[in-house]
Amino acid sequence: MAATSRISLALTPDLTGAVHSAVSSGEYATAADVVQDAVREWKERRDLLGYTVEELCAAVQEGLESGRSTLATMADVKAEARRRFRAPAPTMRPPQR
C-alpha cells in the first residue's frame, strides 16, 4: 500500500450524506476510501486534458484578446465548423535550413 498523508476536509451536508451513504451501503469500506476514489477520478480527468493551468489561462487570454466573433448565431458557428472540417488540411512543409 502506498504511503498516505492525513488532511482535514470540510464537506457540505449533501456531500457528507453521500459519503456516509456510500459507506453504509457497502460500496466503500470507509469515508477515506470514498474521498480517495473521488480525488483519484478528479486527477485522472484533469490529467487527460493534458493542459497545465497556465496553458489554459493563456488560451483564455488569447480568446479574450481575439475580440468578438463575427458569427452571430449557433447556426453560424456550426456552419463555419462544417466548412473548416470539409476544407483540405494545410500541407506541412519541411523546415527551412
Protein backbone atom coordinates (compact mmCIF):
# COMPACT_ATOMS: atom_id res chain seq x y z
CA MET A 1 0.00 0.00 0.00
CA ALA A 2 1.27 3.47 -0.85
CA ALA A 3 2.21 5.89 1.90
CA THR A 4 -0.63 8.17 2.93
CA SER A 5 -0.97 11.61 4.48
CA ARG A 6 -3.76 12.93 6.66
CA ILE A 7 -5.71 16.04 5.70
CA SER A 8 -8.87 17.55 7.09
CA LEU A 9 -11.79 18.32 4.77
CA ALA A 10 -14.96 20.32 5.20
CA LEU A 11 -17.85 19.00 3.12
CA THR A 12 -21.35 20.31 2.61
CA PRO A 13 -24.12 18.34 4.33
CA ASP A 14 -25.16 16.88 0.96
CA LEU A 15 -21.66 15.60 0.21
CA THR A 16 -21.26 14.30 3.75
CA GLY A 17 -24.53 12.41 3.37
CA ALA A 18 -23.39 10.96 0.05
CA VAL A 19 -20.14 9.75 1.61
CA HIS A 20 -21.95 8.15 4.57
CA SER A 21 -24.48 6.57 2.19
CA ALA A 22 -21.70 5.05 0.07
CA VAL A 23 -20.13 3.54 3.19
CA SER A 24 -23.39 2.31 4.77
CA SER A 25 -24.46 0.66 1.50
CA GLY A 26 -21.21 -1.28 1.42
CA GLU A 27 -19.98 0.35 -1.76
CA TYR A 28 -16.92 1.58 0.17
CA ALA A 29 -15.38 0.38 3.42
CA THR A 30 -14.56 3.82 4.83
CA ALA A 31 -15.18 7.50 4.23
CA ALA A 32 -11.48 7.84 3.40
CA ASP A 33 -11.92 5.30 0.60
CA VAL A 34 -14.75 7.41 -0.88
CA VAL A 35 -12.68 10.57 -0.80
CA GLN A 36 -9.58 8.83 -2.19
CA ASP A 37 -11.61 7.43 -5.08
CA ALA A 38 -13.14 10.84 -5.81
CA VAL A 39 -9.75 12.57 -5.78
CA ARG A 40 -8.24 9.82 -7.96
CA GLU A 41 -11.01 10.25 -10.55
CA TRP A 42 -10.64 14.05 -10.46
CA LYS A 43 -6.89 13.72 -11.01
CA GLU A 44 -7.39 11.31 -13.93
CA ARG A 45 -9.87 13.68 -15.62
CA ARG A 46 -7.54 16.60 -15.07
CA ASP A 47 -4.53 14.68 -16.41
CA LEU A 48 -6.46 13.54 -19.50
CA LEU A 49 -6.90 17.13 -20.62
CA GLY A 50 -3.15 17.40 -21.00
CA TYR A 51 -3.01 21.13 -20.28
CA THR A 52 -1.45 22.94 -17.38
CA VAL A 53 -3.39 25.64 -15.58
CA GLU A 54 -1.01 28.19 -17.10
CA GLU A 55 -1.70 26.90 -20.63
CA LEU A 56 -5.45 27.07 -20.06
CA CYS A 57 -5.16 30.62 -18.71
CA ALA A 58 -3.09 31.61 -21.76
CA ALA A 59 -5.72 30.09 -24.08
CA VAL A 60 -8.49 32.01 -22.31
CA GLN A 61 -6.49 35.22 -22.56
CA GLU A 62 -5.87 34.62 -26.26
CA GLY A 63 -9.59 34.16 -26.80
CA LEU A 64 -10.41 37.36 -24.91
CA GLU A 65 -7.83 39.32 -26.90
CA SER A 66 -9.09 37.97 -30.23
CA GLY A 67 -12.21 40.14 -29.96
CA ARG A 68 -15.83 39.41 -30.64
CA SER A 69 -16.84 36.70 -33.03
CA THR A 70 -18.29 37.65 -36.37
CA LEU A 71 -20.60 34.65 -36.08
CA ALA A 72 -23.94 35.82 -34.73
CA THR A 73 -25.80 32.58 -34.06
CA MET A 74 -25.09 28.99 -33.13
CA ALA A 75 -26.18 28.01 -36.64
CA ASP A 76 -23.42 30.29 -37.98
CA VAL A 77 -20.89 28.66 -35.65
CA LYS A 78 -21.92 25.17 -36.78
CA ALA A 79 -21.80 26.15 -40.44
CA GLU A 80 -18.27 27.55 -40.01
CA ALA A 81 -17.16 24.40 -38.18
CA ARG A 82 -18.55 22.24 -41.00
CA ARG A 83 -16.81 24.41 -43.59
CA ARG A 84 -13.48 24.06 -41.76
CA PHE A 85 -13.98 20.32 -41.37
CA ARG A 86 -14.53 19.88 -45.11
CA ALA A 87 -11.62 22.14 -46.11
CA PRO A 88 -8.44 20.38 -47.16
CA ALA A 89 -5.82 20.21 -44.44
CA PRO A 90 -2.92 22.59 -44.89
CA THR A 91 0.17 20.90 -46.27
CA MET A 92 3.13 20.63 -43.98
CA ARG A 93 6.41 21.90 -45.35
CA PRO A 94 9.74 20.68 -44.04
CA PRO A 95 11.61 23.28 -42.01
CA GLN A 96 13.91 25.59 -43.97
CA ARG A 97 17.59 25.03 -43.18
